[in-house]
């Protein structure tokens, strides 16, 4: 399962290197992007720590995924809903 997870992250990293968002033509924020954000924002603090998915980290090994997380977090109404102390 870990291999498939990191293979998927590599695909997402590549895709987000050429477009800002995943859904549609890549220029509009969609539900798909929100779902990915909710997974990625928890990846390093939770998945790496508790599920031992520590092959790579979003913060250091995936610059496009990290940029995506930062972009979405900065959107009005999203960053205010995230409490990293509760994750």
C-alpha atoms as a PDB file:
ATOM      1  CA  UNK A   1       0.000   0.000   0.000  1.00  0.00           C
ATOM      2  CA  UNK A   2       2.890   2.393   0.739  1.00  0.00           C
ATOM      3  CA  UNK A   3       4.299   1.955  -2.768  1.00  0.00           C
ATOM      4  CA  UNK A   4       0.938   2.790  -4.345  1.00  0.00           C
ATOM      5  CA  UNK A   5       0.567   5.828  -2.076  1.00  0.00           C
ATOM      6  CA  UNK A   6       3.911   7.297  -3.079  1.00  0.00           C
ATOM      7  CA  UNK A   7       3.365   6.415  -6.748  1.00  0.00           C
ATOM      8  CA  UNK A   8       0.134   8.425  -6.566  1.00  0.00           C
ATOM      9  CA  UNK A   9       1.894  11.339  -4.876  1.00  0.00           C
ATOM     10  CA  UNK A  10       4.444  11.345  -7.712  1.00  0.00           C
ATOM     11  CA  UNK A  11       1.629  11.534 -10.289  1.00  0.00           C
ATOM     12  CA  UNK A  12       0.011  14.409  -8.389  1.00  0.00           C
ATOM     13  CA  UNK A  13       3.367  16.184  -8.028  1.00  0.00           C
ATOM     14  CA  UNK A  14       3.892  16.002 -11.779  1.00  0.00           C
ATOM     15  CA  UNK A  15       0.360  17.138 -12.609  1.00  0.00           C
ATOM     16  CA  UNK A  16       0.506  20.088 -10.213  1.00  0.00           C
ATOM     17  CA  UNK A  17       3.766  21.101 -11.836  1.00  0.00           C
ATOM     18  CA  UNK A  18       1.825  22.046 -14.972  1.00  0.00           C
ATOM     19  CA  UNK A  19      -1.481  23.293 -13.572  1.00  0.00           C
ATOM     20  CA  UNK A  20      -2.668  24.982 -10.408  1.00  0.00           C
ATOM     21  CA  UNK A  21      -5.574  22.666  -9.538  1.00  0.00           C
ATOM     22  CA  UNK A  22      -6.559  19.075 -10.329  1.00  0.00           C
ATOM     23  CA  UNK A  23     -10.135  19.277 -11.548  1.00  0.00           C
ATOM     24  CA  UNK A  24     -11.385  20.363 -14.949  1.00  0.00           C
ATOM     25  CA  UNK A  25      -8.840  22.302 -16.962  1.00  0.00           C
ATOM     26  CA  UNK A  26      -6.675  22.885 -13.880  1.00  0.00           C
ATOM     27  CA  UNK A  27      -7.534  26.548 -13.503  1.00  0.00           C
ATOM     28  CA  UNK A  28     -10.558  26.273 -11.180  1.00  0.00           C
ATOM     29  CA  UNK A  29     -10.656  25.127  -7.571  1.00  0.00           C
ATOM     30  CA  UNK A  30     -13.010  22.147  -7.208  1.00  0.00           C
ATOM     31  CA  UNK A  31     -14.202  19.646  -4.615  1.00  0.00           C
ATOM     32  CA  UNK A  32     -11.416  17.330  -5.778  1.00  0.00           C
ATOM     33  CA  UNK A  33      -8.840  19.945  -4.820  1.00  0.00           C
ATOM     34  CA  UNK A  34     -10.402  20.437  -1.405  1.00  0.00           C
ATOM     35  CA  UNK A  35     -10.291  16.712  -0.734  1.00  0.00           C
ATOM     36  CA  UNK A  36      -6.646  16.510  -1.785  1.00  0.00           C
ATOM     37  CA  UNK A  37      -5.816  19.501   0.399  1.00  0.00           C
ATOM     38  CA  UNK A  38      -7.430  17.883   3.438  1.00  0.00           C
ATOM     39  CA  UNK A  39      -5.284  14.791   2.911  1.00  0.00           C
ATOM     40  CA  UNK A  40      -2.045  16.651   2.224  1.00  0.00           C
ATOM     41  CA  UNK A  41      -2.361  19.095   5.114  1.00  0.00           C
ATOM     42  CA  UNK A  42      -2.431  16.096   7.457  1.00  0.00           C
ATOM     43  CA  UNK A  43       0.182  14.004   5.663  1.00  0.00           C
ATOM     44  CA  UNK A  44       3.422  15.044   7.384  1.00  0.00           C
ATOM     45  CA  UNK A  45       2.105  15.580  10.935  1.00  0.00           C
ATOM     46  CA  UNK A  46      -0.180  12.525  11.016  1.00  0.00           C
ATOM     47  CA  UNK A  47       0.464   9.953   8.296  1.00  0.00           C
ATOM     48  CA  UNK A  48       4.253  10.087   8.501  1.00  0.00           C
ATOM     49  CA  UNK A  49       4.185   9.899  12.294  1.00  0.00           C
ATOM     50  CA  UNK A  50       1.440   7.390  13.000  1.00  0.00           C
ATOM     51  CA  UNK A  51       1.152   5.321   9.814  1.00  0.00           C
ATOM     52  CA  UNK A  52       4.901   5.228   9.084  1.00  0.00           C
ATOM     53  CA  UNK A  53       4.475   6.542   5.537  1.00  0.00           C
ATOM     54  CA  UNK A  54       7.874   8.165   5.913  1.00  0.00           C
ATOM     55  CA  UNK A  55       9.452   7.414   2.545  1.00  0.00           C
ATOM     56  CA  UNK A  56       9.070  11.099   1.590  1.00  0.00           C
ATOM     57  CA  UNK A  57       7.504  14.194   3.124  1.00  0.00           C
ATOM     58  CA  UNK A  58       5.299  16.830   1.520  1.00  0.00           C
ATOM     59  CA  UNK A  59       7.269  19.691   3.100  1.00  0.00           C
ATOM     60  CA  UNK A  60      10.662  18.620   1.787  1.00  0.00           C
ATOM     61  CA  UNK A  61      10.234  16.264  -1.159  1.00  0.00           C
ATOM     62  CA  UNK A  62       7.230  17.496  -3.148  1.00  0.00           C
ATOM     63  CA  UNK A  63       7.571  21.191  -4.035  1.00  0.00           C
ATOM     64  CA  UNK A  64       4.460  21.266  -6.241  1.00  0.00           C
ATOM     65  CA  UNK A  65       2.288  19.554  -3.627  1.00  0.00           C
ATOM     66  CA  UNK A  66       3.616  21.914  -0.968  1.00  0.00           C
ATOM     67  CA  UNK A  67       2.835  24.911  -3.190  1.00  0.00           C
ATOM     68  CA  UNK A  68      -0.663  23.545  -3.761  1.00  0.00           C
ATOM     69  CA  UNK A  69      -1.217  23.183  -0.001  1.00  0.00           C
ATOM     70  CA  UNK A  70       0.011  26.730   0.592  1.00  0.00           C
ATOM     71  CA  UNK A  71      -2.184  28.146  -2.196  1.00  0.00           C
ATOM     72  CA  UNK A  72      -5.307  26.431  -0.910  1.00  0.00           C
ATOM     73  CA  UNK A  73      -4.543  27.272   2.719  1.00  0.00           C
ATOM     74  CA  UNK A  74      -4.304  30.947   1.756  1.00  0.00           C
ATOM     75  CA  UNK A  75      -7.777  30.935   0.183  1.00  0.00           C
ATOM     76  CA  UNK A  76     -10.446  32.834   2.054  1.00  0.00           C
ATOM     77  CA  UNK A  77     -12.304  30.584   4.464  1.00  0.00           C
ATOM     78  CA  UNK A  78      -9.971  27.612   4.263  1.00  0.00           C
ATOM     79  CA  UNK A  79      -6.982  28.520   6.408  1.00  0.00           C
ATOM     80  CA  UNK A  80      -9.314  29.749   9.137  1.00  0.00           C
ATOM     81  CA  UNK A  81     -10.820  26.246   9.368  1.00  0.00           C
ATOM     82  CA  UNK A  82      -7.515  24.462   9.916  1.00  0.00           C
ATOM     83  CA  UNK A  83      -6.154  24.104  13.433  1.00  0.00           C
ATOM     84  CA  UNK A  84      -2.834  22.304  13.154  1.00  0.00           C
ATOM     85  CA  UNK A  85      -2.819  21.717  16.922  1.00  0.00           C
ATOM     86  CA  UNK A  86      -5.922  19.576  16.506  1.00  0.00           C
ATOM     87  CA  UNK A  87      -4.615  17.540  13.607  1.00  0.00           C
END
